Amino acid sequence: MFNYQEKIAKLRANESRLEENKKALKMALDEAENRCTKLELGRRSLDGDLQRFKLVMNDKETENQVRGGSNFFVKAWVESSVCVKEGDG
């Protein structure tokens, strides 16, 4: 009978340890999901900024074309940053 009590005590200790591990993993998962959400919100904000910048640049380019000027270098920089951004994802 003592042998069974010892086994039960070991199983309960093991169960308790596993429950603690489960709680720690759940907490780590929640923290990782929170970081992921914050990063996604930051990425969306930057995408919005980029889209607004591109619209401004297109407006300026159109304005310059009407006036006979050129915004080639600025446009090339914007397009190269878009290619890098899309290549990262």
PDB file of N, CA and C in Angstrom:
ATOM      1  N   MET A   1       0.822  -1.199   0.000  1.00  0.00           N
ATOM      2  CA  MET A   1       0.000   0.000   0.000  1.00  0.00           C
ATOM      3  C   MET A   1       0.861   1.255   0.000  1.00  0.00           C
ATOM      4  N   PHE A   2       1.962   1.214   0.709  1.00  0.00           N
ATOM      5  CA  PHE A   2       2.862   2.362   0.755  1.00  0.00           C
ATOM      6  C   PHE A   2       3.388   2.704  -0.640  1.00  0.00           C
ATOM      7  N   ASN A   3       3.644   1.709  -1.453  1.00  0.00           N
ATOM      8  CA  ASN A   3       4.140   1.900  -2.804  1.00  0.00           C
ATOM      9  C   ASN A   3       3.146   2.692  -3.655  1.00  0.00           C
ATOM     10  N   TYR A   4       1.846   2.402  -3.500  1.00  0.00           N
ATOM     11  CA  TYR A   4       0.836   3.129  -4.258  1.00  0.00           C
ATOM     12  C   TYR A   4       0.736   4.582  -3.802  1.00  0.00           C
ATOM     13  N   GLN A   5       0.849   4.798  -2.521  1.00  0.00           N
ATOM     14  CA  GLN A   5       0.793   6.163  -2.002  1.00  0.00           C
ATOM     15  C   GLN A   5       1.979   6.983  -2.518  1.00  0.00           C
ATOM     16  N   GLU A   6       3.123   6.324  -2.585  1.00  0.00           N
ATOM     17  CA  GLU A   6       4.316   7.002  -3.115  1.00  0.00           C
ATOM     18  C   GLU A   6       4.135   7.349  -4.593  1.00  0.00           C
ATOM     19  N   LYS A   7       3.575   6.408  -5.347  1.00  0.00           N
ATOM     20  CA  LYS A   7       3.329   6.648  -6.778  1.00  0.00           C
ATOM     21  C   LYS A   7       2.314   7.771  -6.966  1.00  0.00           C
ATOM     22  N   ILE A   8       1.263   7.760  -6.149  1.00  0.00           N
ATOM     23  CA  ILE A   8       0.237   8.810  -6.241  1.00  0.00           C
ATOM     24  C   ILE A   8       0.849  10.168  -5.921  1.00  0.00           C
ATOM     25  N   ALA A   9       1.691  10.221  -4.899  1.00  0.00           N
ATOM     26  CA  ALA A   9       2.342  11.481  -4.530  1.00  0.00           C
ATOM     27  C   ALA A   9       3.236  11.976  -5.664  1.00  0.00           C
ATOM     28  N   LYS A  10       3.964  11.068  -6.301  1.00  0.00           N
ATOM     29  CA  LYS A  10       4.829  11.452  -7.431  1.00  0.00           C
ATOM     30  C   LYS A  10       4.001  11.938  -8.613  1.00  0.00           C
ATOM     31  N   LEU A  11       2.902  11.245  -8.873  1.00  0.00           N
ATOM     32  CA  LEU A  11       2.029  11.661  -9.977  1.00  0.00           C
ATOM     33  C   LEU A  11       1.415  13.035  -9.707  1.00  0.00           C
ATOM     34  N   ARG A  12       1.009  13.282  -8.489  1.00  0.00           N
ATOM     35  CA  ARG A  12       0.441  14.593  -8.139  1.00  0.00           C
ATOM     36  C   ARG A  12       1.494  15.698  -8.250  1.00  0.00           C
ATOM     37  N   ALA A  13       2.716  15.399  -7.824  1.00  0.00           N
ATOM     38  CA  ALA A  13       3.803  16.374  -7.946  1.00  0.00           C
ATOM     39  C   ALA A  13       4.094  16.656  -9.414  1.00  0.00           C
ATOM     40  N   ASN A  14       4.084  15.595 -10.230  1.00  0.00           N
ATOM     41  CA  ASN A  14       4.317  15.749 -11.658  1.00  0.00           C
ATOM     42  C   ASN A  14       3.190  16.563 -12.304  1.00  0.00           C
ATOM     43  N   GLU A  15       1.947  16.267 -11.890  1.00  0.00           N
ATOM     44  CA  GLU A  15       0.807  17.012 -12.419  1.00  0.00           C
ATOM     45  C   GLU A  15       0.916  18.496 -12.047  1.00  0.00           C
ATOM     46  N   SER A  16       1.300  18.773 -10.827  1.00  0.00           N
ATOM     47  CA  SER A  16       1.453  20.153 -10.371  1.00  0.00           C
ATOM     48  C   SER A  16       2.534  20.871 -11.175  1.00  0.00           C
ATOM     49  N   ARG A  17       3.646  20.185 -11.407  1.00  0.00           N
ATOM     50  CA  ARG A  17       4.737  20.769 -12.196  1.00  0.00           C
ATOM     51  C   ARG A  17       4.272  21.056 -13.625  1.00  0.00           C
ATOM     52  N   LEU A  18       3.533  20.102 -14.201  1.00  0.00           N
ATOM     53  CA  LEU A  18       3.020  20.297 -15.563  1.00  0.00           C
ATOM     54  C   LEU A  18       2.030  21.457 -15.635  1.00  0.00           C
ATOM     55  N   GLU A  19       1.206  21.605 -14.615  1.00  0.00           N
ATOM     56  CA  GLU A  19       0.261  22.731 -14.571  1.00  0.00           C
ATOM     57  C   GLU A  19       1.007  24.067 -14.503  1.00  0.00           C
ATOM     58  N   GLU A  20       2.071  24.118 -13.715  1.00  0.00           N
ATOM     59  CA  GLU A  20       2.881  25.338 -13.630  1.00  0.00           C
ATOM     60  C   GLU A  20       3.529  25.646 -14.983  1.00  0.00           C
ATOM     61  N   ASN A  21       4.033  24.605 -15.642  1.00  0.00           N
ATOM     62  CA  ASN A  21       4.623  24.788 -16.980  1.00  0.00           C
ATOM     63  C   ASN A  21       3.571  25.291 -17.962  1.00  0.00           C
ATOM     64  N   LYS A  22       2.377  24.736 -17.858  1.00  0.00           N
ATOM     65  CA  LYS A  22       1.282  25.149 -18.737  1.00  0.00           C
ATOM     66  C   LYS A  22       0.958  26.632 -18.532  1.00  0.00           C
ATOM     67  N   LYS A  23       0.900  27.060 -17.275  1.00  0.00           N
ATOM     68  CA  LYS A  23       0.620  28.469 -16.974  1.00  0.00           C
ATOM     69  C   LYS A  23       1.725  29.378 -17.521  1.00  0.00           C
ATOM     70  N   ALA A  24       2.966  28.950 -17.355  1.00  0.00           N
ATOM     71  CA  ALA A  24       4.094  29.750 -17.848  1.00  0.00           C
ATOM     72  C   ALA A  24       4.057  29.848 -19.369  1.00  0.00           C
ATOM     73  N   LEU A  25       3.749  28.739 -20.035  1.00  0.00           N
ATOM     74  CA  LEU A  25       3.667  28.757 -21.504  1.00  0.00           C
ATOM     75  C   LEU A  25       2.508  29.625 -21.981  1.00  0.00           C
ATOM     76  N   LYS A  26       1.383  29.559 -21.289  1.00  0.00           N
ATOM     77  CA  LYS A  26       0.231  30.397 -21.644  1.00  0.00           C
ATOM     78  C   LYS A  26       0.584  31.873 -21.502  1.00  0.00           C
ATOM     79  N   MET A  27       1.285  32.210 -20.429  1.00  0.00           N
ATOM     80  CA  MET A  27       1.689  33.595 -20.213  1.00  0.00           C
ATOM     81  C   MET A  27       2.656  34.054 -21.309  1.00  0.00           C
ATOM     82  N   ALA A  28       3.600  33.186 -21.664  1.00  0.00           N
ATOM     83  CA  ALA A  28       4.551  33.525 -22.722  1.00  0.00           C
ATOM     84  C   ALA A  28       3.834  33.699 -24.057  1.00  0.00           C
ATOM     85  N   LEU A  29       2.854  32.840 -24.327  1.00  0.00           N
ATOM     86  CA  LEU A  29       2.080  32.958 -25.560  1.00  0.00           C
ATOM     87  C   LEU A  29       1.309  34.272 -25.593  1.00  0.00           C
ATOM     88  N   ASP A  30       0.662  34.620 -24.489  1.00  0.00           N
ATOM     89  CA  ASP A  30      -0.079  35.884 -24.425  1.00  0.00           C
ATOM     90  C   ASP A  30       0.836  37.085 -24.665  1.00  0.00           C
ATOM     91  N   GLU A  31       2.016  37.059 -24.053  1.00  0.00           N
ATOM     92  CA  GLU A  31       2.974  38.153 -24.249  1.00  0.00           C
ATOM     93  C   GLU A  31       3.436  38.225 -25.701  1.00  0.00           C
ATOM     94  N   ALA A  32       3.699  37.079 -26.306  1.00  0.00           N
ATOM     95  CA  ALA A  32       4.133  37.048 -27.708  1.00  0.00           C
ATOM     96  C   ALA A  32       3.024  37.557 -28.630  1.00  0.00           C
ATOM     97  N   GLU A  33       1.785  37.168 -28.354  1.00  0.00           N
ATOM     98  CA  GLU A  33       0.664  37.648 -29.164  1.00  0.00           C
ATOM     99  C   GLU A  33       0.489  39.152 -29.013  1.00  0.00           C
ATOM    100  N   ASN A  34       0.690  39.677 -27.813  1.00  0.00           N
ATOM    101  CA  ASN A  34       0.606  41.128 -27.598  1.00  0.00           C
ATOM    102  C   ASN A  34       1.690  41.857 -28.381  1.00  0.00           C
ATOM    103  N   ARG A  35       2.925  41.329 -28.346  1.00  0.00           N
ATOM    104  CA  ARG A  35       4.008  41.950 -29.118  1.00  0.00           C
ATOM    105  C   ARG A  35       3.701  41.898 -30.612  1.00  0.00           C
ATOM    106  N   CYS A  36       3.172  40.771 -31.062  1.00  0.00           N
ATOM    107  CA  CYS A  36       2.816  40.620 -32.476  1.00  0.00           C
ATOM    108  C   CYS A  36       1.752  41.643 -32.886  1.00  0.00           C
ATOM    109  N   THR A  37       0.757  41.821 -32.036  1.00  0.00           N
ATOM    110  CA  THR A  37      -0.303  42.789 -32.322  1.00  0.00           C
ATOM    111  C   THR A  37       0.257  44.205 -32.395  1.00  0.00           C
ATOM    112  N   LYS A  38       1.124  44.557 -31.445  1.00  0.00           N
ATOM    113  CA  LYS A  38       1.729  45.893 -31.461  1.00  0.00           C
ATOM    114  C   LYS A  38       2.564  46.098 -32.717  1.00  0.00           C
ATOM    115  N   LEU A  39       3.336  45.083 -33.103  1.00  0.00           N
ATOM    116  CA  LEU A  39       4.153  45.200 -34.319  1.00  0.00           C
ATOM    117  C   LEU A  39       3.279  45.321 -35.558  1.00  0.00           C
ATOM    118  N   GLU A  40       2.187  44.580 -35.607  1.00  0.00           N
ATOM    119  CA  GLU A  40       1.272  44.655 -36.750  1.00  0.00           C
ATOM    120  C   GLU A  40       0.635  46.040 -36.836  1.00  0.00           C
ATOM    121  N   LEU A  41       0.259  46.595 -35.708  1.00  0.00           N
ATOM    122  CA  LEU A  41      -0.306  47.947 -35.710  1.00  0.00           C
ATOM    123  C   LEU A  41       0.732  48.966 -36.188  1.00  0.00           C
ATOM    124  N   GLY A  42       1.973  48.793 -35.750  1.00  0.00           N
ATOM    125  CA  GLY A  42       3.041  49.675 -36.208  1.00  0.00           C
ATOM    126  C   GLY A  42       3.281  49.545 -37.705  1.00  0.00           C
ATOM    127  N   ARG A  43       3.250  48.299 -38.199  1.00  0.00           N
ATOM    128  CA  ARG A  43       3.441  48.072 -39.641  1.00  0.00           C
ATOM    129  C   ARG A  43       2.315  48.730 -40.443  1.00  0.00           C
ATOM    130  N   ARG A  44       1.087  48.574 -39.967  1.00  0.00           N
ATOM    131  CA  ARG A  44      -0.044  49.187 -40.676  1.00  0.00           C
ATOM    132  C   ARG A  44       0.067  50.709 -40.671  1.00  0.00           C
ATOM    133  N   SER A  45       0.520  51.266 -39.564  1.00  0.00           N
ATOM    134  CA  SER A  45       0.700  52.709 -39.484  1.00  0.00           C
ATOM    135  C   SER A  45       1.746  53.169 -40.494  1.00  0.00           C
ATOM    136  N   LEU A  46       2.860  52.432 -40.554  1.00  0.00           N
ATOM    137  CA  LEU A  46       3.912  52.780 -41.521  1.00  0.00           C
ATOM    138  C   LEU A  46       3.424  52.612 -42.958  1.00  0.00           C
ATOM    139  N   ASP A  47       2.631  51.583 -43.213  1.00  0.00           N
ATOM    140  CA  ASP A  47       2.062  51.413 -44.556  1.00  0.00           C
ATOM    141  C   ASP A  47       1.170  52.596 -44.914  1.00  0.00           C
ATOM    142  N   GLY A  48       0.382  53.057 -43.943  1.00  0.00           N
ATOM    143  CA  GLY A  48      -0.465  54.228 -44.180  1.00  0.00           C
ATOM    144  C   GLY A  48       0.364  55.466 -44.465  1.00  0.00           C
ATOM    145  N   ASP A  49       1.440  55.646 -43.692  1.00  0.00           N
ATOM    146  CA  ASP A  49       2.339  56.777 -43.924  1.00  0.00           C
ATOM    147  C   ASP A  49       2.942  56.700 -45.324  1.00  0.00           C
ATOM    148  N   LEU A  50       3.360  55.509 -45.720  1.00  0.00           N
ATOM    149  CA  LEU A  50       3.955  55.325 -47.046  1.00  0.00           C
ATOM    150  C   LEU A  50       2.944  55.637 -48.143  1.00  0.00           C
ATOM    151  N   GLN A  51       1.714  55.172 -47.982  1.00  0.00           N
ATOM    152  CA  GLN A  51       0.688  55.444 -48.988  1.00  0.00           C
ATOM    153  C   GLN A  51       0.408  56.948 -49.101  1.00  0.00           C
ATOM    154  N   ARG A  52       0.338  57.623 -47.948  1.00  0.00           N
ATOM    155  CA  ARG A  52       0.131  59.078 -47.989  1.00  0.00           C
ATOM    156  C   ARG A  52       1.312  59.772 -48.664  1.00  0.00           C
ATOM    157  N   PHE A  53       2.526  59.317 -48.351  1.00  0.00           N
ATOM    158  CA  PHE A  53       3.715  59.900 -48.959  1.00  0.00           C
ATOM    159  C   PHE A  53       3.715  59.689 -50.472  1.00  0.00           C
ATOM    160  N   LYS A  54       3.321  58.492 -50.895  1.00  0.00           N
ATOM    161  CA  LYS A  54       3.265  58.208 -52.331  1.00  0.00           C
ATOM    162  C   LYS A  54       2.232  59.089 -53.028  1.00  0.00           C
ATOM    163  N   LEU A  55       1.088  59.308 -52.368  1.00  0.00           N
ATOM    164  CA  LEU A  55       0.070  60.187 -52.956  1.00  0.00           C
ATOM    165  C   LEU A  55       0.597  61.615 -53.105  1.00  0.00           C
ATOM    166  N   VAL A  56       1.267  62.091 -52.059  1.00  0.00           N
ATOM    167  CA  VAL A  56       1.851  63.435 -52.119  1.00  0.00           C
ATOM    168  C   VAL A  56       2.876  63.500 -53.243  1.00  0.00           C
ATOM    169  N   MET A  57       3.718  62.475 -53.343  1.00  0.00           N
ATOM    170  CA  MET A  57       4.749  62.471 -54.385  1.00  0.00           C
ATOM    171  C   MET A  57       4.119  62.431 -55.779  1.00  0.00           C
ATOM    172  N   ASN A  58       3.057  61.653 -55.940  1.00  0.00           N
ATOM    173  CA  ASN A  58       2.382  61.614 -57.240  1.00  0.00           C
ATOM    174  C   ASN A  58       1.773  62.976 -57.569  1.00  0.00           C
ATOM    175  N   ASP A  59       1.184  63.615 -56.554  1.00  0.00           N
ATOM    176  CA  ASP A  59       0.630  64.953 -56.777  1.00  0.00           C
ATOM    177  C   ASP A  59       1.736  65.935 -57.166  1.00  0.00           C
ATOM    178  N   LYS A  60       2.858  65.865 -56.450  1.00  0.00           N
ATOM    179  CA  LYS A  60       3.977  66.761 -56.751  1.00  0.00           C
ATOM    180  C   LYS A  60       4.534  66.461 -58.142  1.00  0.00           C
ATOM    181  N   GLU A  61       4.619  65.180 -58.478  1.00  0.00           N
ATOM    182  CA  GLU A  61       5.139  64.812 -59.795  1.00  0.00           C
ATOM    183  C   GLU A  61       4.223  65.335 -60.898  1.00  0.00           C
ATOM    184  N   THR A  62       2.931  65.200 -60.699  1.00  0.00           N
ATOM    185  CA  THR A  62       1.968  65.712 -61.679  1.00  0.00           C
ATOM    186  C   THR A  62       2.102  67.222 -61.793  1.00  0.00           C
ATOM    187  N   GLU A  63       2.225  67.867 -60.653  1.00  0.00           N
ATOM    188  CA  GLU A  63       2.392  69.326 -60.640  1.00  0.00           C
ATOM    189  C   GLU A  63       3.667  69.725 -61.380  1.00  0.00           C
ATOM    190  N   ASN A  64       4.744  69.003 -61.136  1.00  0.00           N
ATOM    191  CA  ASN A  64       6.010  69.304 -61.806  1.00  0.00           C
ATOM    192  C   ASN A  64       5.943  69.026 -63.302  1.00  0.00           C
ATOM    193  N   GLN A  65       5.224  67.982 -63.684  1.00  0.00           N
ATOM    194  CA  GLN A  65       5.091  67.686 -65.108  1.00  0.00           C
ATOM    195  C   GLN A  65       4.307  68.778 -65.819  1.00  0.00           C
ATOM    196  N   VAL A  66       3.300  69.294 -65.127  1.00  0.00           N
ATOM    197  CA  VAL A  66       2.517  70.384 -65.703  1.00  0.00           C
ATOM    198  C   VAL A  66       3.408  71.610 -65.872  1.00  0.00           C
ATOM    199  N   ARG A  67       4.296  71.820 -64.883  1.00  0.00           N
ATOM    200  CA  ARG A  67       5.203  72.966 -64.932  1.00  0.00           C
ATOM    201  C   ARG A  67       6.438  72.673 -65.784  1.00  0.00           C
ATOM    202  N   GLY A  68       6.660  71.422 -66.138  1.00  0.00           N
ATOM    203  CA  GLY A  68       7.828  71.078 -66.937  1.00  0.00           C
ATOM    204  C   GLY A  68       9.002  70.589 -66.121  1.00  0.00           C
ATOM    205  N   GLY A  69       8.863  70.420 -64.791  1.00  0.00           N
ATOM    206  CA  GLY A  69       9.950  69.953 -63.933  1.00  0.00           C
ATOM    207  C   GLY A  69       9.954  68.434 -63.830  1.00  0.00           C
ATOM    208  N   SER A  70      10.866  67.923 -63.007  1.00  0.00           N
ATOM    209  CA  SER A  70      10.954  66.481 -62.834  1.00  0.00           C
ATOM    210  C   SER A  70      11.263  66.149 -61.377  1.00  0.00           C
ATOM    211  N   ASN A  71      10.671  65.096 -60.909  1.00  0.00           N
ATOM    212  CA  ASN A  71      10.902  64.604 -59.554  1.00  0.00           C
ATOM    213  C   ASN A  71      11.448  63.186 -59.608  1.00  0.00           C
ATOM    214  N   PHE A  72      12.276  62.909 -60.609  1.00  0.00           N
ATOM    215  CA  PHE A  72      12.738  61.558 -60.887  1.00  0.00           C
ATOM    216  C   PHE A  72      13.446  60.917 -59.700  1.00  0.00           C
ATOM    217  N   PHE A  73      14.374  61.639 -59.073  1.00  0.00           N
ATOM    218  CA  PHE A  73      15.175  61.034 -58.007  1.00  0.00           C
ATOM    219  C   PHE A  73      14.335  60.718 -56.775  1.00  0.00           C
ATOM    220  N   VAL A  74      13.420  61.593 -56.423  1.00  0.00           N
ATOM    221  CA  VAL A  74      12.576  61.347 -55.265  1.00  0.00           C
ATOM    222  C   VAL A  74      11.656  60.164 -55.551  1.00  0.00           C
ATOM    223  N   LYS A  75      11.090  60.107 -56.748  1.00  0.00           N
ATOM    224  CA  LYS A  75      10.216  59.003 -57.110  1.00  0.00           C
ATOM    225  C   LYS A  75      10.992  57.689 -57.104  1.00  0.00           C
ATOM    226  N   ALA A  76      12.198  57.686 -57.609  1.00  0.00           N
ATOM    227  CA  ALA A  76      13.015  56.475 -57.616  1.00  0.00           C
ATOM    228  C   ALA A  76      13.295  56.010 -56.193  1.00  0.00           C
ATOM    229  N   TRP A  77      13.536  56.929 -55.284  1.00  0.00           N
ATOM    230  CA  TRP A  77      13.777  56.560 -53.887  1.00  0.00           C
ATOM    231  C   TRP A  77      12.528  55.936 -53.269  1.00  0.00           C
ATOM    232  N   VAL A  78      11.368  56.528 -53.531  1.00  0.00           N
ATOM    233  CA  VAL A  78      10.120  55.990 -52.990  1.00  0.00           C
ATOM    234  C   VAL A  78       9.875  54.597 -53.543  1.00  0.00           C
ATOM    235  N   GLU A  79      10.058  54.415 -54.844  1.00  0.00           N
ATOM    236  CA  GLU A  79       9.824  53.097 -55.438  1.00  0.00           C
ATOM    237  C   GLU A  79      10.832  52.078 -54.913  1.00  0.00           C
ATOM    238  N   SER A  80      12.070  52.464 -54.699  1.00  0.00           N
ATOM    239  CA  SER A  80      13.045  51.495 -54.175  1.00  0.00           C
ATOM    240  C   SER A  80      12.721  51.125 -52.737  1.00  0.00           C
ATOM    241  N   SER A  81      12.199  52.052 -51.945  1.00  0.00           N
ATOM    242  CA  SER A  81      11.842  51.721 -50.561  1.00  0.00           C
ATOM    243  C   SER A  81      10.624  50.813 -50.548  1.00  0.00           C
ATOM    244  N   VAL A  82       9.726  50.967 -51.510  1.00  0.00           N
ATOM    245  CA  VAL A  82       8.575  50.078 -51.601  1.00  0.00           C
ATOM    246  C   VAL A  82       9.022  48.676 -51.960  1.00  0.00           C
ATOM    247  N   CYS A  83       9.976  48.548 -52.879  1.00  0.00           N
ATOM    248  CA  CYS A  83      10.480  47.233 -53.265  1.00  0.00           C
ATOM    249  C   CYS A  83      11.163  46.546 -52.085  1.00  0.00           C
ATOM    250  N   VAL A  84      11.935  47.288 -51.316  1.00  0.00           N
ATOM    251  CA  VAL A  84      12.589  46.708 -50.149  1.00  0.00           C
ATOM    252  C   VAL A  84      11.547  46.255 -49.155  1.00  0.00           C
ATOM    253  N   LYS A  85      10.519  47.074 -48.903  1.00  0.00           N
ATOM    254  CA  LYS A  85       9.469  46.744 -47.932  1.00  0.00           C
ATOM    255  C   LYS A  85       8.760  45.481 -48.364  1.00  0.00           C
ATOM    256  N   GLU A  86       8.376  45.376 -49.650  1.00  0.00           N
ATOM    257  CA  GLU A  86       7.662  44.215 -50.113  1.00  0.00           C
ATOM    258  C   GLU A  86       8.548  42.975 -50.088  1.00  0.00           C
ATOM    259  N   GLY A  87       9.837  43.151 -50.303  1.00  0.00           N
ATOM    260  CA  GLY A  87      10.767  42.021 -50.270  1.00  0.00           C
ATOM    261  C   GLY A  87      10.980  41.492 -48.875  1.00  0.00           C
ATOM    262  N   ASP A  88      10.819  42.344 -47.846  1.00  0.00           N
ATOM    263  CA  ASP A  88      11.009  41.915 -46.464  1.00  0.00           C
ATOM    264  C   ASP A  88       9.902  40.986 -45.999  1.00  0.00           C
ATOM    265  N   GLY A  89       8.663  41.253 -46.446  1.00  0.00           N
ATOM    266  CA  GLY A  89       7.485  40.537 -45.955  1.00  0.00           C
ATOM    267  C   GLY A  89       7.474  39.124 -46.333  1.00  0.00           C
TER     268      GLY A  89
END
